[in-house]
Amino acid sequence: MSTTPLPGIGVQYDLTTREHRHLSVIAHRDGARTVNLYRADDPDACGQSLRLTAAETTSLIDALMPSHHSPNLLHTTDLGLVAERIELSGHSYWNGRVLGETRMRTETGVSIVAVLRRAEARPSPAPDFRLAGGDTLIVIGTREGVDAAASILGRE
């Protein structure tokens, strides 16, 4: 990958894929991104260009590299398990309620192995641990169980 400063605009990142396709991303100073795919028959000619807002860029990054694929989290996919972060919104039904009320393990088979609150981590929270909006719960279980946990914890 190469990087080219674009004064007054931002930075351009160029990548040639293993299939010899030229792709570039322009990181604009306002947070937007422009993704350019160059023609296969002429790698200097842009075939398609897509401008993304900062929010769309964040969504795309999450799709390309989900937080449950973070190198800081346990990778257990070869065992049929996933570890994932699930954030409670400030309007969550669970805001102010104790962890045991979620019946998470009983309902989904998922274990909540830690809760991140501000700059602090609470490993192995007990059932009487009181949840708060903005908490990030680290859960581990099957893909189906984690999806069910996210649905339960997303309740408002």
N, C-alpha and C. Protein backbone atom coordinates (compact mmCIF):
# COMPACT_ATOMS: atom_id res chain seq x y z
N MET A 1 0.85 -1.16 0.00
CA MET A 1 0.00 0.00 0.00
C MET A 1 0.90 1.23 0.00
N SER A 2 0.50 2.22 -0.77
CA SER A 2 1.24 3.47 -0.78
C SER A 2 0.33 4.60 -0.31
N THR A 3 0.93 5.64 0.21
CA THR A 3 0.21 6.79 0.76
C THR A 3 0.67 8.04 0.05
N THR A 4 -0.30 8.87 -0.35
CA THR A 4 0.02 10.13 -1.02
C THR A 4 -0.75 11.26 -0.35
N PRO A 5 -0.05 12.25 0.24
CA PRO A 5 -0.75 13.41 0.81
C PRO A 5 -1.43 14.20 -0.30
N LEU A 6 -2.64 14.65 -0.05
CA LEU A 6 -3.38 15.50 -0.99
C LEU A 6 -3.67 16.82 -0.28
N PRO A 7 -2.79 17.80 -0.40
CA PRO A 7 -2.93 19.07 0.33
C PRO A 7 -4.31 19.69 0.16
N GLY A 8 -4.91 20.05 1.29
CA GLY A 8 -6.23 20.64 1.30
C GLY A 8 -7.37 19.65 1.18
N ILE A 9 -7.05 18.40 0.91
CA ILE A 9 -8.09 17.37 0.72
C ILE A 9 -7.99 16.29 1.79
N GLY A 10 -6.81 15.68 1.89
CA GLY A 10 -6.62 14.58 2.84
C GLY A 10 -5.46 13.72 2.41
N VAL A 11 -5.67 12.40 2.43
CA VAL A 11 -4.63 11.45 2.08
C VAL A 11 -5.23 10.38 1.17
N GLN A 12 -4.45 9.98 0.16
CA GLN A 12 -4.89 8.90 -0.71
C GLN A 12 -4.07 7.66 -0.41
N TYR A 13 -4.77 6.53 -0.25
CA TYR A 13 -4.14 5.23 -0.02
C TYR A 13 -4.39 4.39 -1.26
N ASP A 14 -3.33 3.85 -1.86
CA ASP A 14 -3.44 3.03 -3.05
C ASP A 14 -3.03 1.60 -2.72
N LEU A 15 -3.79 0.66 -3.27
CA LEU A 15 -3.54 -0.75 -3.02
C LEU A 15 -3.72 -1.50 -4.33
N THR A 16 -2.84 -2.44 -4.59
CA THR A 16 -3.00 -3.36 -5.71
C THR A 16 -3.30 -4.72 -5.12
N THR A 17 -4.45 -5.28 -5.50
CA THR A 17 -4.88 -6.56 -4.93
C THR A 17 -4.06 -7.70 -5.53
N ARG A 18 -4.21 -8.87 -4.96
CA ARG A 18 -3.49 -10.04 -5.47
C ARG A 18 -3.94 -10.40 -6.89
N GLU A 19 -5.15 -9.90 -7.27
CA GLU A 19 -5.66 -10.10 -8.63
C GLU A 19 -5.23 -8.96 -9.55
N HIS A 20 -4.28 -8.13 -9.08
CA HIS A 20 -3.70 -7.03 -9.83
C HIS A 20 -4.72 -5.94 -10.17
N ARG A 21 -5.70 -5.74 -9.27
CA ARG A 21 -6.67 -4.65 -9.42
C ARG A 21 -6.19 -3.48 -8.58
N HIS A 22 -6.33 -2.27 -9.12
CA HIS A 22 -5.92 -1.06 -8.42
C HIS A 22 -7.13 -0.48 -7.71
N LEU A 23 -6.96 -0.24 -6.42
CA LEU A 23 -8.00 0.31 -5.56
C LEU A 23 -7.39 1.46 -4.79
N SER A 24 -8.15 2.55 -4.64
CA SER A 24 -7.65 3.64 -3.81
C SER A 24 -8.76 4.13 -2.89
N VAL A 25 -8.34 4.66 -1.76
CA VAL A 25 -9.26 5.28 -0.81
C VAL A 25 -8.70 6.66 -0.51
N ILE A 26 -9.54 7.67 -0.69
CA ILE A 26 -9.15 9.02 -0.31
C ILE A 26 -9.81 9.32 1.02
N ALA A 27 -8.97 9.57 2.03
CA ALA A 27 -9.45 9.94 3.36
C ALA A 27 -9.54 11.46 3.40
N HIS A 28 -10.75 11.99 3.31
CA HIS A 28 -10.96 13.43 3.31
C HIS A 28 -10.81 13.99 4.72
N ARG A 29 -10.44 15.24 4.81
CA ARG A 29 -10.23 15.88 6.11
C ARG A 29 -11.50 15.95 6.93
N ASP A 30 -12.68 15.93 6.28
CA ASP A 30 -13.95 16.02 7.02
C ASP A 30 -14.44 14.66 7.52
N GLY A 31 -13.63 13.59 7.30
CA GLY A 31 -14.00 12.25 7.77
C GLY A 31 -14.63 11.39 6.70
N ALA A 32 -15.05 11.99 5.59
CA ALA A 32 -15.62 11.21 4.48
C ALA A 32 -14.50 10.42 3.80
N ARG A 33 -14.90 9.44 3.02
CA ARG A 33 -13.95 8.63 2.26
C ARG A 33 -14.49 8.48 0.84
N THR A 34 -13.59 8.45 -0.11
CA THR A 34 -13.94 8.12 -1.49
C THR A 34 -13.19 6.85 -1.84
N VAL A 35 -13.94 5.83 -2.26
CA VAL A 35 -13.36 4.55 -2.65
C VAL A 35 -13.39 4.50 -4.18
N ASN A 36 -12.24 4.27 -4.76
CA ASN A 36 -12.11 4.23 -6.22
C ASN A 36 -11.61 2.86 -6.66
N LEU A 37 -12.27 2.30 -7.67
CA LEU A 37 -11.84 1.04 -8.26
C LEU A 37 -11.48 1.33 -9.71
N TYR A 38 -10.26 0.99 -10.06
CA TYR A 38 -9.75 1.30 -11.39
C TYR A 38 -10.03 0.16 -12.35
N ARG A 39 -10.12 0.49 -13.61
CA ARG A 39 -10.45 -0.50 -14.64
C ARG A 39 -9.35 -1.55 -14.76
N ALA A 40 -9.76 -2.80 -15.01
CA ALA A 40 -8.79 -3.89 -15.14
C ALA A 40 -7.96 -3.74 -16.40
N ASP A 41 -8.58 -3.21 -17.48
CA ASP A 41 -7.85 -3.07 -18.75
C ASP A 41 -6.96 -1.82 -18.78
N ASP A 42 -7.18 -0.89 -17.84
CA ASP A 42 -6.35 0.31 -17.75
C ASP A 42 -6.29 0.73 -16.29
N PRO A 43 -5.28 0.26 -15.55
CA PRO A 43 -5.22 0.52 -14.11
C PRO A 43 -5.05 1.99 -13.73
N ASP A 44 -4.88 2.87 -14.72
CA ASP A 44 -4.82 4.31 -14.44
C ASP A 44 -6.17 4.99 -14.63
N ALA A 45 -7.16 4.28 -15.17
CA ALA A 45 -8.48 4.85 -15.42
C ALA A 45 -9.45 4.37 -14.35
N CYS A 46 -10.07 5.32 -13.67
CA CYS A 46 -11.03 4.98 -12.62
C CYS A 46 -12.33 4.48 -13.25
N GLY A 47 -12.73 3.27 -12.87
CA GLY A 47 -13.96 2.67 -13.39
C GLY A 47 -15.17 3.00 -12.56
N GLN A 48 -14.98 3.07 -11.24
CA GLN A 48 -16.08 3.40 -10.34
C GLN A 48 -15.54 4.16 -9.14
N SER A 49 -16.36 5.07 -8.65
CA SER A 49 -15.98 5.87 -7.49
C SER A 49 -17.20 5.97 -6.58
N LEU A 50 -16.98 5.82 -5.29
CA LEU A 50 -18.07 5.85 -4.32
C LEU A 50 -17.65 6.72 -3.15
N ARG A 51 -18.42 7.77 -2.88
CA ARG A 51 -18.11 8.64 -1.74
C ARG A 51 -18.96 8.21 -0.55
N LEU A 52 -18.30 8.00 0.59
CA LEU A 52 -18.96 7.56 1.81
C LEU A 52 -18.87 8.65 2.88
N THR A 53 -19.95 8.84 3.64
CA THR A 53 -19.90 9.75 4.78
C THR A 53 -19.07 9.11 5.87
N ALA A 54 -18.75 9.88 6.91
CA ALA A 54 -17.99 9.34 8.04
C ALA A 54 -18.73 8.17 8.68
N ALA A 55 -20.06 8.28 8.82
CA ALA A 55 -20.85 7.21 9.43
C ALA A 55 -20.86 5.97 8.54
N GLU A 56 -20.98 6.16 7.23
CA GLU A 56 -20.95 5.03 6.31
C GLU A 56 -19.58 4.36 6.32
N THR A 57 -18.54 5.18 6.45
CA THR A 57 -17.18 4.64 6.53
C THR A 57 -17.03 3.75 7.76
N THR A 58 -17.55 4.20 8.89
CA THR A 58 -17.49 3.42 10.12
C THR A 58 -18.23 2.09 9.94
N SER A 59 -19.38 2.12 9.30
CA SER A 59 -20.14 0.89 9.06
C SER A 59 -19.37 -0.06 8.15
N LEU A 60 -18.74 0.50 7.12
CA LEU A 60 -17.96 -0.34 6.21
C LEU A 60 -16.77 -0.96 6.92
N ILE A 61 -16.09 -0.17 7.74
CA ILE A 61 -14.95 -0.70 8.51
C ILE A 61 -15.42 -1.84 9.40
N ASP A 62 -16.57 -1.67 10.05
CA ASP A 62 -17.09 -2.72 10.92
C ASP A 62 -17.42 -3.97 10.11
N ALA A 63 -17.94 -3.79 8.90
CA ALA A 63 -18.25 -4.95 8.06
C ALA A 63 -16.99 -5.66 7.60
N LEU A 64 -15.95 -4.89 7.28
CA LEU A 64 -14.70 -5.48 6.81
C LEU A 64 -13.87 -6.07 7.93
N MET A 65 -13.97 -5.46 9.10
CA MET A 65 -13.14 -5.90 10.22
C MET A 65 -13.95 -5.76 11.51
N PRO A 66 -14.94 -6.65 11.73
CA PRO A 66 -15.79 -6.53 12.90
C PRO A 66 -15.00 -6.56 14.21
N SER A 67 -15.55 -5.90 15.20
CA SER A 67 -14.84 -5.83 16.49
C SER A 67 -14.61 -7.21 17.08
N HIS A 68 -15.48 -8.21 16.77
CA HIS A 68 -15.25 -9.55 17.31
C HIS A 68 -14.07 -10.23 16.62
N HIS A 69 -13.47 -9.57 15.60
CA HIS A 69 -12.25 -10.08 14.99
C HIS A 69 -11.03 -9.32 15.50
N SER A 70 -11.23 -8.50 16.52
CA SER A 70 -10.13 -7.72 17.06
C SER A 70 -9.03 -8.64 17.58
N PRO A 71 -7.77 -8.30 17.30
CA PRO A 71 -6.69 -9.14 17.80
C PRO A 71 -6.62 -9.14 19.33
N ASN A 72 -7.32 -8.21 19.96
CA ASN A 72 -7.33 -8.15 21.42
C ASN A 72 -8.34 -9.11 22.04
N LEU A 73 -9.20 -9.68 21.21
CA LEU A 73 -10.21 -10.59 21.72
C LEU A 73 -9.87 -12.03 21.36
N LEU A 74 -10.38 -12.95 22.14
CA LEU A 74 -10.14 -14.37 21.95
C LEU A 74 -10.77 -14.86 20.65
N HIS A 75 -10.00 -15.54 19.84
CA HIS A 75 -10.52 -16.15 18.61
C HIS A 75 -10.80 -17.62 18.89
N THR A 76 -12.05 -17.99 18.80
CA THR A 76 -12.42 -19.37 19.11
C THR A 76 -13.26 -19.99 18.01
N THR A 77 -13.22 -19.40 16.81
CA THR A 77 -14.08 -19.88 15.73
C THR A 77 -13.80 -21.32 15.36
N ASP A 78 -12.55 -21.78 15.52
CA ASP A 78 -12.25 -23.17 15.20
C ASP A 78 -12.94 -24.12 16.18
N LEU A 79 -13.42 -23.61 17.30
CA LEU A 79 -14.15 -24.42 18.28
C LEU A 79 -15.66 -24.22 18.16
N GLY A 80 -16.08 -23.41 17.19
CA GLY A 80 -17.51 -23.13 17.03
C GLY A 80 -18.00 -22.03 17.95
N LEU A 81 -17.08 -21.27 18.54
CA LEU A 81 -17.44 -20.19 19.44
C LEU A 81 -16.94 -18.86 18.90
N VAL A 82 -17.62 -17.79 19.31
CA VAL A 82 -17.16 -16.44 18.99
C VAL A 82 -17.17 -15.60 20.26
N ALA A 83 -16.27 -14.64 20.30
CA ALA A 83 -16.25 -13.65 21.38
C ALA A 83 -16.57 -12.31 20.74
N GLU A 84 -17.45 -11.54 21.37
CA GLU A 84 -17.90 -10.31 20.76
C GLU A 84 -18.21 -9.26 21.81
N ARG A 85 -18.11 -7.99 21.42
CA ARG A 85 -18.47 -6.86 22.27
C ARG A 85 -19.90 -6.46 21.95
N ILE A 86 -20.71 -6.25 22.98
CA ILE A 86 -22.08 -5.77 22.79
C ILE A 86 -22.26 -4.57 23.71
N GLU A 87 -22.59 -3.42 23.11
CA GLU A 87 -22.74 -2.19 23.90
C GLU A 87 -24.20 -1.97 24.27
N LEU A 88 -24.42 -1.58 25.54
CA LEU A 88 -25.76 -1.21 26.00
C LEU A 88 -25.98 0.26 25.70
N SER A 89 -27.10 0.58 25.10
CA SER A 89 -27.40 1.99 24.84
C SER A 89 -27.82 2.66 26.15
N GLY A 90 -27.79 3.98 26.13
CA GLY A 90 -28.23 4.75 27.29
C GLY A 90 -29.71 4.56 27.59
N HIS A 91 -30.47 4.10 26.57
CA HIS A 91 -31.91 3.90 26.72
C HIS A 91 -32.26 2.43 26.90
N SER A 92 -31.25 1.61 27.18
CA SER A 92 -31.46 0.17 27.29
C SER A 92 -32.42 -0.18 28.42
N TYR A 93 -33.24 -1.17 28.17
CA TYR A 93 -34.12 -1.72 29.21
C TYR A 93 -33.30 -2.18 30.41
N TRP A 94 -32.07 -2.63 30.15
CA TRP A 94 -31.21 -3.21 31.19
C TRP A 94 -30.44 -2.16 31.99
N ASN A 95 -30.50 -0.91 31.58
CA ASN A 95 -29.82 0.17 32.29
C ASN A 95 -30.33 0.24 33.74
N GLY A 96 -29.43 0.02 34.70
CA GLY A 96 -29.79 0.06 36.12
C GLY A 96 -30.24 -1.28 36.68
N ARG A 97 -30.41 -2.28 35.84
CA ARG A 97 -30.82 -3.62 36.31
C ARG A 97 -29.58 -4.48 36.55
N VAL A 98 -29.77 -5.55 37.32
CA VAL A 98 -28.64 -6.42 37.62
C VAL A 98 -28.49 -7.46 36.51
N LEU A 99 -27.26 -7.88 36.30
CA LEU A 99 -26.90 -8.80 35.24
C LEU A 99 -27.73 -10.09 35.28
N GLY A 100 -27.97 -10.63 36.46
CA GLY A 100 -28.71 -11.88 36.60
C GLY A 100 -30.10 -11.81 36.01
N GLU A 101 -30.71 -10.62 35.98
CA GLU A 101 -32.06 -10.47 35.41
C GLU A 101 -32.09 -10.77 33.92
N THR A 102 -30.96 -10.66 33.23
CA THR A 102 -30.93 -10.92 31.79
C THR A 102 -31.14 -12.40 31.49
N ARG A 103 -30.82 -13.28 32.46
CA ARG A 103 -30.90 -14.73 32.29
C ARG A 103 -30.14 -15.15 31.03
N MET A 104 -29.03 -14.46 30.79
CA MET A 104 -28.28 -14.62 29.55
C MET A 104 -27.84 -16.07 29.29
N ARG A 105 -27.22 -16.69 30.26
CA ARG A 105 -26.73 -18.05 30.03
C ARG A 105 -27.90 -19.02 29.84
N THR A 106 -28.95 -18.86 30.62
CA THR A 106 -30.12 -19.74 30.52
C THR A 106 -30.83 -19.57 29.19
N GLU A 107 -30.99 -18.31 28.75
CA GLU A 107 -31.76 -18.03 27.53
C GLU A 107 -30.97 -18.25 26.24
N THR A 108 -29.63 -18.03 26.27
CA THR A 108 -28.85 -18.05 25.04
C THR A 108 -27.67 -19.01 25.06
N GLY A 109 -27.26 -19.45 26.24
CA GLY A 109 -26.06 -20.27 26.36
C GLY A 109 -24.78 -19.45 26.33
N VAL A 110 -24.91 -18.13 26.27
CA VAL A 110 -23.77 -17.22 26.18
C VAL A 110 -23.29 -16.85 27.58
N SER A 111 -21.98 -16.73 27.73
CA SER A 111 -21.40 -16.26 28.99
C SER A 111 -20.93 -14.83 28.82
N ILE A 112 -21.23 -14.00 29.80
CA ILE A 112 -20.72 -12.63 29.84
C ILE A 112 -19.44 -12.70 30.66
N VAL A 113 -18.31 -12.55 29.99
CA VAL A 113 -17.02 -12.77 30.65
C VAL A 113 -16.41 -11.49 31.21
N ALA A 114 -16.90 -10.33 30.76
CA ALA A 114 -16.40 -9.06 31.29
C ALA A 114 -17.35 -7.95 30.91
N VAL A 115 -17.29 -6.87 31.68
CA VAL A 115 -18.02 -5.65 31.36
C VAL A 115 -17.00 -4.52 31.36
N LEU A 116 -16.99 -3.76 30.27
CA LEU A 116 -16.12 -2.59 30.16
C LEU A 116 -16.96 -1.36 30.46
N ARG A 117 -16.50 -0.56 31.41
CA ARG A 117 -17.21 0.67 31.78
C ARG A 117 -16.18 1.78 31.87
N ARG A 118 -16.34 2.76 31.00
CA ARG A 118 -15.37 3.85 30.88
C ARG A 118 -14.00 3.25 30.63
N ALA A 119 -13.02 3.53 31.44
CA ALA A 119 -11.67 3.00 31.24
C ALA A 119 -11.40 1.81 32.15
N GLU A 120 -12.46 1.20 32.65
CA GLU A 120 -12.31 0.12 33.63
C GLU A 120 -12.95 -1.17 33.13
N ALA A 121 -12.31 -2.29 33.41
CA ALA A 121 -12.86 -3.60 33.03
C ALA A 121 -13.26 -4.35 34.29
N ARG A 122 -14.42 -4.99 34.25
CA ARG A 122 -14.90 -5.84 35.34
C ARG A 122 -14.94 -7.28 34.83
N PRO A 123 -13.89 -8.07 35.09
CA PRO A 123 -13.91 -9.46 34.63
C PRO A 123 -14.86 -10.30 35.46
N SER A 124 -15.45 -11.30 34.84
CA SER A 124 -16.35 -12.26 35.49
C SER A 124 -17.37 -11.57 36.39
N PRO A 125 -18.22 -10.70 35.85
CA PRO A 125 -19.19 -10.00 36.70
C PRO A 125 -20.19 -10.98 37.32
N ALA A 126 -20.51 -10.75 38.57
CA ALA A 126 -21.46 -11.60 39.31
C ALA A 126 -22.89 -11.25 38.89
N PRO A 127 -23.84 -12.14 39.18
CA PRO A 127 -25.24 -11.87 38.82
C PRO A 127 -25.80 -10.60 39.43
N ASP A 128 -25.22 -10.12 40.55
CA ASP A 128 -25.74 -8.90 41.18
C ASP A 128 -25.05 -7.63 40.65
N PHE A 129 -24.21 -7.77 39.61
CA PHE A 129 -23.55 -6.61 39.00
C PHE A 129 -24.60 -5.75 38.31
N ARG A 130 -24.63 -4.45 38.63
CA ARG A 130 -25.63 -3.54 38.07
C ARG A 130 -25.12 -2.95 36.75
N LEU A 131 -25.90 -3.15 35.71
CA LEU A 131 -25.55 -2.67 34.38
C LEU A 131 -25.88 -1.18 34.23
N ALA A 132 -25.17 -0.52 33.32
CA ALA A 132 -25.41 0.89 33.06
C ALA A 132 -25.31 1.14 31.56
N GLY A 133 -26.10 2.11 31.08
CA GLY A 133 -26.02 2.49 29.68
C GLY A 133 -24.59 2.90 29.34
N GLY A 134 -24.11 2.47 28.19
CA GLY A 134 -22.74 2.74 27.79
C GLY A 134 -21.79 1.60 28.13
N ASP A 135 -22.22 0.66 28.97
CA ASP A 135 -21.39 -0.52 29.26
C ASP A 135 -21.19 -1.32 27.99
N THR A 136 -20.02 -1.92 27.85
CA THR A 136 -19.76 -2.86 26.77
C THR A 136 -19.55 -4.22 27.40
N LEU A 137 -20.39 -5.17 27.01
CA LEU A 137 -20.31 -6.53 27.56
C LEU A 137 -19.51 -7.41 26.60
N ILE A 138 -18.55 -8.13 27.13
CA ILE A 138 -17.78 -9.09 26.34
C ILE A 138 -18.46 -10.44 26.56
N VAL A 139 -18.97 -11.00 25.47
CA VAL A 139 -19.72 -12.25 25.54
C VAL A 139 -19.02 -13.31 24.72
N ILE A 140 -19.21 -14.57 25.11
CA ILE A 140 -18.65 -15.68 24.35
C ILE A 140 -19.71 -16.78 24.28
N GLY A 141 -19.84 -17.36 23.09
CA GLY A 141 -20.81 -18.42 22.87
C GLY A 141 -20.84 -18.79 21.40
N THR A 142 -21.86 -19.53 21.01
CA THR A 142 -22.02 -19.86 19.60
C THR A 142 -22.46 -18.61 18.85
N ARG A 143 -22.33 -18.61 17.55
CA ARG A 143 -22.77 -17.47 16.73
C ARG A 143 -24.24 -17.18 16.98
N GLU A 144 -25.06 -18.24 17.02
CA GLU A 144 -26.49 -18.08 17.24
C GLU A 144 -26.76 -17.51 18.63
N GLY A 145 -26.02 -18.00 19.62
CA GLY A 145 -26.20 -17.52 20.99
C GLY A 145 -25.81 -16.06 21.13
N VAL A 146 -24.70 -15.68 20.51
CA VAL A 146 -24.25 -14.28 20.58
C VAL A 146 -25.25 -13.37 19.89
N ASP A 147 -25.80 -13.81 18.76
CA ASP A 147 -26.81 -13.02 18.06
C ASP A 147 -28.06 -12.85 18.94
N ALA A 148 -28.46 -13.92 19.62
CA ALA A 148 -29.62 -13.85 20.53
C ALA A 148 -29.31 -12.93 21.70
N ALA A 149 -28.10 -12.99 22.23
CA ALA A 149 -27.70 -12.11 23.33
C ALA A 149 -27.75 -10.65 22.91
N ALA A 150 -27.26 -10.35 21.68
CA ALA A 150 -27.29 -8.99 21.18
C ALA A 150 -28.72 -8.49 21.06
N SER A 151 -29.63 -9.38 20.66
CA SER A 151 -31.05 -9.01 20.55
C SER A 151 -31.63 -8.71 21.93
N ILE A 152 -31.35 -9.55 22.90
CA ILE A 152 -31.85 -9.35 24.27
C ILE A 152 -31.28 -8.07 24.86
N LEU A 153 -29.97 -7.88 24.71
CA LEU A 153 -29.33 -6.71 25.29
C LEU A 153 -29.67 -5.42 24.56
N GLY A 154 -30.14 -5.53 23.33
CA GLY A 154 -30.53 -4.35 22.56
C GLY A 154 -31.93 -3.85 22.89
N ARG A 155 -32.63 -4.56 23.76
CA ARG A 155 -33.99 -4.19 24.15
C ARG A 155 -34.01 -2.82 24.80
N GLU A 156 -34.94 -1.99 24.38
CA GLU A 156 -35.06 -0.64 24.98
C GLU A 156 -36.37 -0.48 25.69
